[in-house]
Amino acid sequence: MHLCRLQDFKLEVELDWAKYQLVLFNLLQNSVKYNTSKGHIVVILSCTMIDDISGQCSLETTVVDTGIGISEDRHQLLFKPFSELKHTQNLEKVTNQTIGLGLACSHDIVKKLGGDIKLA
């Protein structure tokens, strides 16, 4: 396996940094919140060339963690607003001030920027 050092290449990406930062923050916040006490979080950035002439590329951000996971019956609710409140149906059961807005907001931001966000 070949490992690249950061100084081996230069990548310039034009994006709405504030929106990207908010999406990444929401993803990482969930990874931390639902991870195990000695768990790991890995963030992978990859760039795929879309057009050689213009140099346009697609940036993919993957967040992988060793957390508790999400039950399959909740996958369809993941990017819906207030999904945590709808799932518990009782505000007193909501833990960590979670009401289900972070991933829903991230989904909307990514879609408006022409991207896609999904659970793998």
PDB file of N, CA and C in Angstrom:
ATOM      1  N   MET A   1       0.851  -1.180   0.000  1.00  0.00           N
ATOM      2  CA  MET A   1       0.000   0.000   0.000  1.00  0.00           C
ATOM      3  C   MET A   1       0.892   1.237   0.000  1.00  0.00           C
ATOM      4  N   HIS A   2       0.584   2.169  -0.874  1.00  0.00           N
ATOM      5  CA  HIS A   2       1.352   3.401  -0.969  1.00  0.00           C
ATOM      6  C   HIS A   2       0.628   4.498  -0.186  1.00  0.00           C
ATOM      7  N   LEU A   3       1.317   5.131   0.696  1.00  0.00           N
ATOM      8  CA  LEU A   3       0.751   6.233   1.463  1.00  0.00           C
ATOM      9  C   LEU A   3       1.319   7.542   0.935  1.00  0.00           C
ATOM     10  N   CYS A   4       0.447   8.505   0.703  1.00  0.00           N
ATOM     11  CA  CYS A   4       0.885   9.820   0.245  1.00  0.00           C
ATOM     12  C   CYS A   4       1.022  10.745   1.451  1.00  0.00           C
ATOM     13  N   ARG A   5       2.051  11.527   1.428  1.00  0.00           N
ATOM     14  CA  ARG A   5       2.183  12.585   2.424  1.00  0.00           C
ATOM     15  C   ARG A   5       1.506  13.823   1.852  1.00  0.00           C
ATOM     16  N   LEU A   6       0.965  14.656   2.719  1.00  0.00           N
ATOM     17  CA  LEU A   6       0.222  15.824   2.280  1.00  0.00           C
ATOM     18  C   LEU A   6       1.051  16.711   1.361  1.00  0.00           C
ATOM     19  N   GLN A   7       2.343  16.829   1.594  1.00  0.00           N
ATOM     20  CA  GLN A   7       3.153  17.703   0.767  1.00  0.00           C
ATOM     21  C   GLN A   7       3.438  17.106  -0.616  1.00  0.00           C
ATOM     22  N   ASP A   8       3.042  15.846  -0.856  1.00  0.00           N
ATOM     23  CA  ASP A   8       3.273  15.209  -2.153  1.00  0.00           C
ATOM     24  C   ASP A   8       2.338  15.723  -3.241  1.00  0.00           C
ATOM     25  N   PHE A   9       1.246  16.333  -2.878  1.00  0.00           N
ATOM     26  CA  PHE A   9       0.312  16.804  -3.898  1.00  0.00           C
ATOM     27  C   PHE A   9      -0.424  18.039  -3.387  1.00  0.00           C
ATOM     28  N   LYS A  10      -1.014  18.745  -4.330  1.00  0.00           N
ATOM     29  CA  LYS A  10      -1.772  19.935  -3.980  1.00  0.00           C
ATOM     30  C   LYS A  10      -3.153  19.797  -4.604  1.00  0.00           C
ATOM     31  N   LEU A  11      -4.178  20.005  -3.816  1.00  0.00           N
ATOM     32  CA  LEU A  11      -5.545  19.908  -4.278  1.00  0.00           C
ATOM     33  C   LEU A  11      -6.263  21.191  -3.897  1.00  0.00           C
ATOM     34  N   GLU A  12      -6.837  21.830  -4.890  1.00  0.00           N
ATOM     35  CA  GLU A  12      -7.621  23.028  -4.630  1.00  0.00           C
ATOM     36  C   GLU A  12      -9.076  22.713  -4.924  1.00  0.00           C
ATOM     37  N   VAL A  13      -9.925  23.004  -3.973  1.00  0.00           N
ATOM     38  CA  VAL A  13     -11.345  22.717  -4.121  1.00  0.00           C
ATOM     39  C   VAL A  13     -12.124  23.990  -3.859  1.00  0.00           C
ATOM     40  N   GLU A  14     -13.006  24.334  -4.789  1.00  0.00           N
ATOM     41  CA  GLU A  14     -13.895  25.471  -4.583  1.00  0.00           C
ATOM     42  C   GLU A  14     -15.206  24.934  -4.050  1.00  0.00           C
ATOM     43  N   LEU A  15     -15.617  25.422  -2.903  1.00  0.00           N
ATOM     44  CA  LEU A  15     -16.880  25.012  -2.323  1.00  0.00           C
ATOM     45  C   LEU A  15     -17.356  26.069  -1.359  1.00  0.00           C
ATOM     46  N   ASP A  16     -18.580  25.954  -0.953  1.00  0.00           N
ATOM     47  CA  ASP A  16     -19.121  26.860   0.053  1.00  0.00           C
ATOM     48  C   ASP A  16     -18.639  26.328   1.405  1.00  0.00           C
ATOM     49  N   TRP A  17     -17.530  26.870   1.875  1.00  0.00           N
ATOM     50  CA  TRP A  17     -16.868  26.348   3.061  1.00  0.00           C
ATOM     51  C   TRP A  17     -17.782  26.356   4.284  1.00  0.00           C
ATOM     52  N   ALA A  18     -18.563  27.400   4.464  1.00  0.00           N
ATOM     53  CA  ALA A  18     -19.436  27.482   5.645  1.00  0.00           C
ATOM     54  C   ALA A  18     -20.465  26.349   5.647  1.00  0.00           C
ATOM     55  N   LYS A  19     -21.042  26.063   4.477  1.00  0.00           N
ATOM     56  CA  LYS A  19     -22.035  24.991   4.400  1.00  0.00           C
ATOM     57  C   LYS A  19     -21.373  23.623   4.548  1.00  0.00           C
ATOM     58  N   TYR A  20     -20.221  23.452   3.908  1.00  0.00           N
ATOM     59  CA  TYR A  20     -19.501  22.181   4.029  1.00  0.00           C
ATOM     60  C   TYR A  20     -19.099  21.936   5.484  1.00  0.00           C
ATOM     61  N   GLN A  21     -18.632  22.971   6.140  1.00  0.00           N
ATOM     62  CA  GLN A  21     -18.214  22.867   7.540  1.00  0.00           C
ATOM     63  C   GLN A  21     -19.396  22.464   8.427  1.00  0.00           C
ATOM     64  N   LEU A  22     -20.572  23.017   8.170  1.00  0.00           N
ATOM     65  CA  LEU A  22     -21.762  22.678   8.955  1.00  0.00           C
ATOM     66  C   LEU A  22     -22.146  21.209   8.757  1.00  0.00           C
ATOM     67  N   VAL A  23     -22.117  20.738   7.511  1.00  0.00           N
ATOM     68  CA  VAL A  23     -22.440  19.339   7.228  1.00  0.00           C
ATOM     69  C   VAL A  23     -21.434  18.421   7.918  1.00  0.00           C
ATOM     70  N   LEU A  24     -20.154  18.727   7.771  1.00  0.00           N
ATOM     71  CA  LEU A  24     -19.115  17.900   8.390  1.00  0.00           C
ATOM     72  C   LEU A  24     -19.246  17.918   9.917  1.00  0.00           C
ATOM     73  N   PHE A  25     -19.522  19.070  10.481  1.00  0.00           N
ATOM     74  CA  PHE A  25     -19.722  19.173  11.928  1.00  0.00           C
ATOM     75  C   PHE A  25     -20.871  18.279  12.379  1.00  0.00           C
ATOM     76  N   ASN A  26     -21.994  18.311  11.664  1.00  0.00           N
ATOM     77  CA  ASN A  26     -23.150  17.472  12.031  1.00  0.00           C
ATOM     78  C   ASN A  26     -22.818  15.991  11.952  1.00  0.00           C
ATOM     79  N   LEU A  27     -22.102  15.588  10.904  1.00  0.00           N
ATOM     80  CA  LEU A  27     -21.723  14.185  10.770  1.00  0.00           C
ATOM     81  C   LEU A  27     -20.785  13.753  11.895  1.00  0.00           C
ATOM     82  N   LEU A  28     -19.804  14.596  12.191  1.00  0.00           N
ATOM     83  CA  LEU A  28     -18.849  14.260  13.248  1.00  0.00           C
ATOM     84  C   LEU A  28     -19.497  14.297  14.627  1.00  0.00           C
ATOM     85  N   GLN A  29     -20.399  15.232  14.823  1.00  0.00           N
ATOM     86  CA  GLN A  29     -21.104  15.315  16.109  1.00  0.00           C
ATOM     87  C   GLN A  29     -21.883  14.024  16.374  1.00  0.00           C
ATOM     88  N   ASN A  30     -22.559  13.517  15.363  1.00  0.00           N
ATOM     89  CA  ASN A  30     -23.284  12.252  15.531  1.00  0.00           C
ATOM     90  C   ASN A  30     -22.324  11.099  15.767  1.00  0.00           C
ATOM     91  N   SER A  31     -21.197  11.095  15.060  1.00  0.00           N
ATOM     92  CA  SER A  31     -20.211  10.030  15.252  1.00  0.00           C
ATOM     93  C   SER A  31     -19.673  10.025  16.675  1.00  0.00           C
ATOM     94  N   VAL A  32     -19.413  11.187  17.206  1.00  0.00           N
ATOM     95  CA  VAL A  32     -18.909  11.279  18.583  1.00  0.00           C
ATOM     96  C   VAL A  32     -20.008  10.896  19.571  1.00  0.00           C
ATOM     97  N   LYS A  33     -21.193  11.425  19.371  1.00  0.00           N
ATOM     98  CA  LYS A  33     -22.303  11.210  20.309  1.00  0.00           C
ATOM     99  C   LYS A  33     -22.670   9.731  20.446  1.00  0.00           C
ATOM    100  N   TYR A  34     -22.640   9.006  19.334  1.00  0.00           N
ATOM    101  CA  TYR A  34     -23.103   7.624  19.360  1.00  0.00           C
ATOM    102  C   TYR A  34     -21.973   6.600  19.252  1.00  0.00           C
ATOM    103  N   ASN A  35     -20.748   7.041  19.452  1.00  0.00           N
ATOM    104  CA  ASN A  35     -19.609   6.130  19.397  1.00  0.00           C
ATOM    105  C   ASN A  35     -19.417   5.444  20.749  1.00  0.00           C
ATOM    106  N   THR A  36     -18.589   4.432  20.753  1.00  0.00           N
ATOM    107  CA  THR A  36     -18.255   3.761  22.007  1.00  0.00           C
ATOM    108  C   THR A  36     -17.185   4.570  22.726  1.00  0.00           C
ATOM    109  N   SER A  37     -16.966   4.300  23.993  1.00  0.00           N
ATOM    110  CA  SER A  37     -16.041   5.113  24.786  1.00  0.00           C
ATOM    111  C   SER A  37     -14.606   5.084  24.260  1.00  0.00           C
ATOM    112  N   LYS A  38     -14.168   4.002  23.683  1.00  0.00           N
ATOM    113  CA  LYS A  38     -12.814   3.932  23.116  1.00  0.00           C
ATOM    114  C   LYS A  38     -12.880   3.734  21.607  1.00  0.00           C
ATOM    115  N   GLY A  39     -13.959   4.238  21.019  1.00  0.00           N
ATOM    116  CA  GLY A  39     -14.191   4.062  19.589  1.00  0.00           C
ATOM    117  C   GLY A  39     -13.299   4.940  18.728  1.00  0.00           C
ATOM    118  N   HIS A  40     -13.422   4.738  17.436  1.00  0.00           N
ATOM    119  CA  HIS A  40     -12.633   5.477  16.458  1.00  0.00           C
ATOM    120  C   HIS A  40     -13.557   6.137  15.442  1.00  0.00           C
ATOM    121  N   ILE A  41     -13.095   7.260  14.913  1.00  0.00           N
ATOM    122  CA  ILE A  41     -13.786   7.955  13.832  1.00  0.00           C
ATOM    123  C   ILE A  41     -12.742   8.230  12.758  1.00  0.00           C
ATOM    124  N   VAL A  42     -13.083   7.900  11.523  1.00  0.00           N
ATOM    125  CA  VAL A  42     -12.180   8.131  10.401  1.00  0.00           C
ATOM    126  C   VAL A  42     -12.927   8.993   9.387  1.00  0.00           C
ATOM    127  N   VAL A  43     -12.275  10.051   8.920  1.00  0.00           N
ATOM    128  CA  VAL A  43     -12.826  10.902   7.875  1.00  0.00           C
ATOM    129  C   VAL A  43     -11.961  10.719   6.636  1.00  0.00           C
ATOM    130  N   ILE A  44     -12.601  10.374   5.533  1.00  0.00           N
ATOM    131  CA  ILE A  44     -11.882  10.131   4.279  1.00  0.00           C
ATOM    132  C   ILE A  44     -12.376  11.131   3.244  1.00  0.00           C
ATOM    133  N   LEU A  45     -11.457  11.862   2.643  1.00  0.00           N
ATOM    134  CA  LEU A  45     -11.786  12.778   1.559  1.00  0.00           C
ATOM    135  C   LEU A  45     -11.236  12.198   0.271  1.00  0.00           C
ATOM    136  N   SER A  46     -12.057  12.130  -0.754  1.00  0.00           N
ATOM    137  CA  SER A  46     -11.571  11.663  -2.052  1.00  0.00           C
ATOM    138  C   SER A  46     -12.114  12.582  -3.138  1.00  0.00           C
ATOM    139  N   CYS A  47     -11.300  12.779  -4.140  1.00  0.00           N
ATOM    140  CA  CYS A  47     -11.658  13.663  -5.241  1.00  0.00           C
ATOM    141  C   CYS A  47     -11.637  12.858  -6.528  1.00  0.00           C
ATOM    142  N   THR A  48     -12.723  12.935  -7.284  1.00  0.00           N
ATOM    143  CA  THR A  48     -12.831  12.228  -8.551  1.00  0.00           C
ATOM    144  C   THR A  48     -12.951  13.262  -9.665  1.00  0.00           C
ATOM    145  N   MET A  49     -12.108  13.153 -10.671  1.00  0.00           N
ATOM    146  CA  MET A  49     -12.142  14.084 -11.787  1.00  0.00           C
ATOM    147  C   MET A  49     -13.419  13.878 -12.594  1.00  0.00           C
ATOM    148  N   ILE A  50     -14.147  14.954 -12.835  1.00  0.00           N
ATOM    149  CA  ILE A  50     -15.366  14.907 -13.631  1.00  0.00           C
ATOM    150  C   ILE A  50     -15.074  15.345 -15.067  1.00  0.00           C
ATOM    151  N   ASP A  51     -14.272  16.394 -15.190  1.00  0.00           N
ATOM    152  CA  ASP A  51     -13.971  16.955 -16.508  1.00  0.00           C
ATOM    153  C   ASP A  51     -12.496  17.335 -16.558  1.00  0.00           C
ATOM    154  N   ASP A  52     -11.729  16.615 -17.385  1.00  0.00           N
ATOM    155  CA  ASP A  52     -10.291  16.872 -17.500  1.00  0.00           C
ATOM    156  C   ASP A  52      -9.990  18.261 -18.043  1.00  0.00           C
ATOM    157  N   ILE A  53     -10.816  18.754 -18.934  1.00  0.00           N
ATOM    158  CA  ILE A  53     -10.553  20.051 -19.569  1.00  0.00           C
ATOM    159  C   ILE A  53     -10.715  21.193 -18.575  1.00  0.00           C
ATOM    160  N   SER A  54     -11.840  21.194 -17.853  1.00  0.00           N
ATOM    161  CA  SER A  54     -12.078  22.271 -16.886  1.00  0.00           C
ATOM    162  C   SER A  54     -11.396  22.007 -15.550  1.00  0.00           C
ATOM    163  N   GLY A  55     -11.017  20.753 -15.319  1.00  0.00           N
ATOM    164  CA  GLY A  55     -10.417  20.399 -14.042  1.00  0.00           C
ATOM    165  C   GLY A  55     -11.438  20.215 -12.936  1.00  0.00           C
ATOM    166  N   GLN A  56     -12.709  20.173 -13.314  1.00  0.00           N
ATOM    167  CA  GLN A  56     -13.772  20.034 -12.324  1.00  0.00           C
ATOM    168  C   GLN A  56     -13.752  18.627 -11.728  1.00  0.00           C
ATOM    169  N   CYS A  57     -13.856  18.585 -10.400  1.00  0.00           N
ATOM    170  CA  CYS A  57     -13.862  17.293  -9.727  1.00  0.00           C
ATOM    171  C   CYS A  57     -14.986  17.241  -8.703  1.00  0.00           C
ATOM    172  N   SER A  58     -15.274  16.045  -8.277  1.00  0.00           N
ATOM    173  CA  SER A  58     -16.294  15.804  -7.266  1.00  0.00           C
ATOM    174  C   SER A  58     -15.591  15.439  -5.966  1.00  0.00           C
ATOM    175  N   LEU A  59     -15.965  16.102  -4.879  1.00  0.00           N
ATOM    176  CA  LEU A  59     -15.387  15.823  -3.572  1.00  0.00           C
ATOM    177  C   LEU A  59     -16.328  14.909  -2.800  1.00  0.00           C
ATOM    178  N   GLU A  60     -15.814  13.784  -2.348  1.00  0.00           N
ATOM    179  CA  GLU A  60     -16.606  12.858  -1.539  1.00  0.00           C
ATOM    180  C   GLU A  60     -16.019  12.814  -0.144  1.00  0.00           C
ATOM    181  N   THR A  61     -16.871  12.977   0.839  1.00  0.00           N
ATOM    182  CA  THR A  61     -16.457  12.914   2.235  1.00  0.00           C
ATOM    183  C   THR A  61     -17.151  11.715   2.871  1.00  0.00           C
ATOM    184  N   THR A  62     -16.365  10.835   3.457  1.00  0.00           N
ATOM    185  CA  THR A  62     -16.896   9.642   4.112  1.00  0.00           C
ATOM    186  C   THR A  62     -16.519   9.694   5.583  1.00  0.00           C
ATOM    187  N   VAL A  63     -17.499   9.492   6.445  1.00  0.00           N
ATOM    188  CA  VAL A  63     -17.258   9.437   7.886  1.00  0.00           C
ATOM    189  C   VAL A  63     -17.607   8.021   8.343  1.00  0.00           C
ATOM    190  N   VAL A  64     -16.626   7.345   8.919  1.00  0.00           N
ATOM    191  CA  VAL A  64     -16.796   5.980   9.398  1.00  0.00           C
ATOM    192  C   VAL A  64     -16.493   5.975  10.893  1.00  0.00           C
ATOM    193  N   ASP A  65     -17.341   5.307  11.669  1.00  0.00           N
ATOM    194  CA  ASP A  65     -17.070   5.232  13.107  1.00  0.00           C
ATOM    195  C   ASP A  65     -17.362   3.833  13.627  1.00  0.00           C
ATOM    196  N   THR A  66     -16.979   3.606  14.849  1.00  0.00           N
ATOM    197  CA  THR A  66     -17.193   2.306  15.498  1.00  0.00           C
ATOM    198  C   THR A  66     -18.356   2.394  16.485  1.00  0.00           C
ATOM    199  N   GLY A  67     -19.304   3.267  16.164  1.00  0.00           N
ATOM    200  CA  GLY A  67     -20.436   3.511  17.051  1.00  0.00           C
ATOM    201  C   GLY A  67     -21.459   2.389  17.068  1.00  0.00           C
ATOM    202  N   ILE A  68     -22.553   2.666  17.722  1.00  0.00           N
ATOM    203  CA  ILE A  68     -23.590   1.670  17.958  1.00  0.00           C
ATOM    204  C   ILE A  68     -24.395   1.332  16.715  1.00  0.00           C
ATOM    205  N   GLY A  69     -24.309   2.143  15.700  1.00  0.00           N
ATOM    206  CA  GLY A  69     -25.037   1.888  14.463  1.00  0.00           C
ATOM    207  C   GLY A  69     -26.475   2.352  14.544  1.00  0.00           C
ATOM    208  N   ILE A  70     -27.162   2.194  13.436  1.00  0.00           N
ATOM    209  CA  ILE A  70     -28.552   2.624  13.330  1.00  0.00           C
ATOM    210  C   ILE A  70     -29.370   1.422  12.876  1.00  0.00           C
ATOM    211  N   SER A  71     -30.397   1.105  13.631  1.00  0.00           N
ATOM    212  CA  SER A  71     -31.214  -0.054  13.262  1.00  0.00           C
ATOM    213  C   SER A  71     -31.853   0.176  11.897  1.00  0.00           C
ATOM    214  N   GLU A  72     -32.004  -0.899  11.157  1.00  0.00           N
ATOM    215  CA  GLU A  72     -32.493  -0.807   9.783  1.00  0.00           C
ATOM    216  C   GLU A  72     -33.878  -0.172   9.698  1.00  0.00           C
ATOM    217  N   ASP A  73     -34.706  -0.389  10.706  1.00  0.00           N
ATOM    218  CA  ASP A  73     -36.049   0.190  10.663  1.00  0.00           C
ATOM    219  C   ASP A  73     -36.041   1.712  10.805  1.00  0.00           C
ATOM    220  N   ARG A  74     -34.903   2.286  11.185  1.00  0.00           N
ATOM    221  CA  ARG A  74     -34.794   3.743  11.331  1.00  0.00           C
ATOM    222  C   ARG A  74     -34.091   4.401  10.151  1.00  0.00           C
ATOM    223  N   HIS A  75     -33.567   3.620   9.212  1.00  0.00           N
ATOM    224  CA  HIS A  75     -32.836   4.188   8.072  1.00  0.00           C
ATOM    225  C   HIS A  75     -33.680   5.198   7.298  1.00  0.00           C
ATOM    226  N   GLN A  76     -34.957   4.906   7.065  1.00  0.00           N
ATOM    227  CA  GLN A  76     -35.797   5.806   6.275  1.00  0.00           C
ATOM    228  C   GLN A  76     -36.088   7.114   7.001  1.00  0.00           C
ATOM    229  N   LEU A  77     -35.901   7.151   8.311  1.00  0.00           N
ATOM    230  CA  LEU A  77     -36.142   8.370   9.088  1.00  0.00           C
ATOM    231  C   LEU A  77     -34.899   9.234   9.247  1.00  0.00           C
ATOM    232  N   LEU A  78     -33.763   8.708   8.880  1.00  0.00           N
ATOM    233  CA  LEU A  78     -32.484   9.325   9.205  1.00  0.00           C
ATOM    234  C   LEU A  78     -32.370  10.785   8.786  1.00  0.00           C
ATOM    235  N   PHE A  79     -32.834  11.133   7.595  1.00  0.00           N
ATOM    236  CA  PHE A  79     -32.683  12.491   7.079  1.00  0.00           C
ATOM    237  C   PHE A  79     -33.984  13.292   7.133  1.00  0.00           C
ATOM    238  N   LYS A  80     -34.917  12.847   7.934  1.00  0.00           N
ATOM    239  CA  LYS A  80     -36.188  13.553   8.085  1.00  0.00           C
ATOM    240  C   LYS A  80     -36.141  14.419   9.351  1.00  0.00           C
ATOM    241  N   PRO A  81     -36.642  15.672   9.262  1.00  0.00           N
ATOM    242  CA  PRO A  81     -36.619  16.552  10.436  1.00  0.00           C
ATOM    243  C   PRO A  81     -37.399  15.965  11.611  1.00  0.00           C
ATOM    244  N   PHE A  82     -36.871  16.181  12.781  1.00  0.00           N
ATOM    245  CA  PHE A  82     -37.496  15.754  14.040  1.00  0.00           C
ATOM    246  C   PHE A  82     -37.703  14.250  14.121  1.00  0.00           C
ATOM    247  N   SER A  83     -36.892  13.489  13.408  1.00  0.00           N
ATOM    248  CA  SER A  83     -37.070  12.032  13.405  1.00  0.00           C
ATOM    249  C   SER A  83     -36.852  11.426  14.784  1.00  0.00           C
ATOM    250  N   GLU A  84     -36.002  12.024  15.588  1.00  0.00           N
ATOM    251  CA  GLU A  84     -35.779  11.490  16.932  1.00  0.00           C
ATOM    252  C   GLU A  84     -37.021  11.678  17.796  1.00  0.00           C
ATOM    253  N   LEU A  85     -37.665  12.833  17.673  1.00  0.00           N
ATOM    254  CA  LEU A  85     -38.895  13.067  18.425  1.00  0.00           C
ATOM    255  C   LEU A  85     -40.007  12.144  17.949  1.00  0.00           C
ATOM    256  N   LYS A  86     -40.090  11.953  16.629  1.00  0.00           N
ATOM    257  CA  LYS A  86     -41.132  11.077  16.093  1.00  0.00           C
ATOM    258  C   LYS A  86     -40.888   9.637  16.509  1.00  0.00           C
ATOM    259  N   HIS A  87     -39.613   9.250  16.597  1.00  0.00           N
ATOM    260  CA  HIS A  87     -39.294   7.866  16.956  1.00  0.00           C
ATOM    261  C   HIS A  87     -39.634   7.585  18.418  1.00  0.00           C
ATOM    262  N   THR A  88     -39.287   8.516  19.307  1.00  0.00           N
ATOM    263  CA  THR A  88     -39.518   8.278  20.731  1.00  0.00           C
ATOM    264  C   THR A  88     -40.954   8.592  21.127  1.00  0.00           C
ATOM    265  N   GLN A  89     -41.576   9.534  20.409  1.00  0.00           N
ATOM    266  CA  GLN A  89     -42.929   9.994  20.708  1.00  0.00           C
ATOM    267  C   GLN A  89     -43.072  10.471  22.152  1.00  0.00           C
ATOM    268  N   ASN A  90     -41.956  10.822  22.756  1.00  0.00           N
ATOM    269  CA  ASN A  90     -42.000  11.306  24.127  1.00  0.00           C
ATOM    270  C   ASN A  90     -40.759  12.162  24.354  1.00  0.00           C
ATOM    271  N   LEU A  91     -40.946  13.453  24.539  1.00  0.00           N
ATOM    272  CA  LEU A  91     -39.826  14.375  24.680  1.00  0.00           C
ATOM    273  C   LEU A  91     -38.925  14.004  25.857  1.00  0.00           C
ATOM    274  N   GLU A  92     -39.469  13.415  26.899  1.00  0.00           N
ATOM    275  CA  GLU A  92     -38.675  13.054  28.070  1.00  0.00           C
ATOM    276  C   GLU A  92     -37.664  11.955  27.774  1.00  0.00           C
ATOM    277  N   LYS A  93     -37.912  11.149  26.735  1.00  0.00           N
ATOM    278  CA  LYS A  93     -37.003  10.064  26.390  1.00  0.00           C
ATOM    279  C   LYS A  93     -35.861  10.506  25.480  1.00  0.00           C
ATOM    280  N   VAL A  94     -35.929  11.719  24.955  1.00  0.00           N
ATOM    281  CA  VAL A  94     -34.898  12.197  24.044  1.00  0.00           C
ATOM    282  C   VAL A  94     -33.636  12.475  24.847  1.00  0.00           C
ATOM    283  N   THR A  95     -32.538  11.827  24.445  1.00  0.00           N
ATOM    284  CA  THR A  95     -31.284  11.982  25.172  1.00  0.00           C
ATOM    285  C   THR A  95     -30.353  12.930  24.448  1.00  0.00           C
ATOM    286  N   ASN A  96     -29.415  13.491  25.159  1.00  0.00           N
ATOM    287  CA  ASN A  96     -28.372  14.353  24.590  1.00  0.00           C
ATOM    288  C   ASN A  96     -28.936  15.526  23.789  1.00  0.00           C
ATOM    289  N   GLN A  97     -30.086  16.039  24.149  1.00  0.00           N
ATOM    290  CA  GLN A  97     -30.755  17.122  23.439  1.00  0.00           C
ATOM    291  C   GLN A  97     -30.905  16.809  21.951  1.00  0.00           C
ATOM    292  N   THR A  98     -31.081  15.565  21.608  1.00  0.00           N
ATOM    293  CA  THR A  98     -31.225  15.141  20.226  1.00  0.00           C
ATOM    294  C   THR A  98     -32.685  15.172  19.827  1.00  0.00           C
ATOM    295  N   ILE A  99     -32.980  15.923  18.771  1.00  0.00           N
ATOM    296  CA  ILE A  99     -34.354  15.946  18.271  1.00  0.00           C
ATOM    297  C   ILE A  99     -34.419  15.582  16.795  1.00  0.00           C
ATOM    298  N   GLY A 100     -33.282  15.364  16.165  1.00  0.00           N
ATOM    299  CA  GLY A 100     -33.294  14.908  14.781  1.00  0.00           C
ATOM    300  C   GLY A 100     -33.258  16.004  13.746  1.00  0.00           C
ATOM    301  N   LEU A 101     -32.504  17.065  13.984  1.00  0.00           N
ATOM    302  CA  LEU A 101     -32.400  18.133  12.989  1.00  0.00           C
ATOM    303  C   LEU A 101     -31.061  18.153  12.259  1.00  0.00           C
ATOM    304  N   GLY A 102     -29.988  17.710  12.884  1.00  0.00           N
ATOM    305  CA  GLY A 102     -28.651  17.824  12.298  1.00  0.00           C
ATOM    306  C   GLY A 102     -28.499  17.135  10.960  1.00  0.00           C
ATOM    307  N   LEU A 103     -28.885  15.868  10.885  1.00  0.00           N
ATOM    308  CA  LEU A 103     -28.751  15.137   9.630  1.00  0.00           C
ATOM    309  C   LEU A 103     -29.770  15.608   8.599  1.00  0.00           C
ATOM    310  N   ALA A 104     -30.947  16.015   9.042  1.00  0.00           N
ATOM    311  CA  ALA A 104     -31.949  16.550   8.113  1.00  0.00           C
ATOM    312  C   ALA A 104     -31.440  17.841   7.477  1.00  0.00           C
ATOM    313  N   CYS A 105     -30.865  18.725   8.275  1.00  0.00           N
ATOM    314  CA  CYS A 105     -30.298  19.963   7.742  1.00  0.00           C
ATOM    315  C   CYS A 105     -29.134  19.663   6.803  1.00  0.00           C
ATOM    316  N   SER A 106     -28.281  18.732   7.201  1.00  0.00           N
ATOM    317  CA  SER A 106     -27.142  18.363   6.365  1.00  0.00           C
ATOM    318  C   SER A 106     -27.617  17.809   5.027  1.00  0.00           C
ATOM    319  N   HIS A 107     -28.651  16.987   5.058  1.00  0.00           N
ATOM    320  CA  HIS A 107     -29.221  16.420   3.834  1.00  0.00           C
ATOM    321  C   HIS A 107     -29.696  17.535   2.900  1.00  0.00           C
ATOM    322  N   ASP A 108     -30.435  18.498   3.446  1.00  0.00           N
ATOM    323  CA  ASP A 108     -30.954  19.600   2.635  1.00  0.00           C
ATOM    324  C   ASP A 108     -29.826  20.442   2.048  1.00  0.00           C
ATOM    325  N   ILE A 109     -28.809  20.729   2.845  1.00  0.00           N
ATOM    326  CA  ILE A 109     -27.675  21.527   2.368  1.00  0.00           C
ATOM    327  C   ILE A 109     -26.969  20.818   1.220  1.00  0.00           C
ATOM    328  N   VAL A 110     -26.660  19.540   1.404  1.00  0.00           N
ATOM    329  CA  VAL A 110     -25.942  18.777   0.382  1.00  0.00           C
ATOM    330  C   VAL A 110     -26.771  18.702  -0.897  1.00  0.00           C
ATOM    331  N   LYS A 111     -28.069  18.457  -0.783  1.00  0.00           N
ATOM    332  CA  LYS A 111     -28.929  18.384  -1.962  1.00  0.00           C
ATOM    333  C   LYS A 111     -28.967  19.722  -2.713  1.00  0.00           C
ATOM    334  N   LYS A 112     -29.056  20.835  -1.960  1.00  0.00           N
ATOM    335  CA  LYS A 112     -29.093  22.159  -2.594  1.00  0.00           C
ATOM    336  C   LYS A 112     -27.777  22.504  -3.287  1.00  0.00           C
ATOM    337  N   LEU A 113     -26.696  21.913  -2.813  1.00  0.00           N
ATOM    338  CA  LEU A 113     -25.391  22.126  -3.445  1.00  0.00           C
ATOM    339  C   LEU A 113     -25.160  21.149  -4.605  1.00  0.00           C
ATOM    340  N   GLY A 114     -26.168  20.322  -4.904  1.00  0.00           N
ATOM    341  CA  GLY A 114     -26.064  19.409  -6.032  1.00  0.00           C
ATOM    342  C   GLY A 114     -25.418  18.079  -5.700  1.00  0.00           C
ATOM    343  N   GLY A 115     -25.282  17.781  -4.418  1.00  0.00           N
ATOM    344  CA  GLY A 115     -24.642  16.539  -4.006  1.00  0.00           C
ATOM    345  C   GLY A 115     -25.624  15.511  -3.483  1.00  0.00           C
ATOM    346  N   ASP A 116     -25.091  14.513  -2.852  1.00  0.00           N
ATOM    347  CA  ASP A 116     -25.897  13.437  -2.294  1.00  0.00           C
ATOM    348  C   ASP A 116     -25.317  13.050  -0.943  1.00  0.00           C
ATOM    349  N   ILE A 117     -26.171  12.675  -0.032  1.00  0.00           N
ATOM    350  CA  ILE A 117     -25.738  12.203   1.276  1.00  0.00           C
ATOM    351  C   ILE A 117     -26.497  10.920   1.556  1.00  0.00           C
ATOM    352  N   LYS A 118     -25.786   9.903   2.019  1.00  0.00           N
ATOM    353  CA  LYS A 118     -26.438   8.615   2.218  1.00  0.00           C
ATOM    354  C   LYS A 118     -25.774   7.833   3.328  1.00  0.00           C
ATOM    355  N   LEU A 119     -26.503   6.862   3.796  1.00  0.00           N
ATOM    356  CA  LEU A 119     -26.016   5.928   4.798  1.00  0.00           C
ATOM    357  C   LEU A 119     -25.521   4.688   4.079  1.00  0.00           C
ATOM    358  N   ALA A 120     -24.322   4.271   4.385  1.00  0.00           N
ATOM    359  CA  ALA A 120     -23.772   3.089   3.711  1.00  0.00           C
ATOM    360  C   ALA A 120     -23.549   1.966   4.699  1.00  0.00           C
TER     361      ALA A 120
END
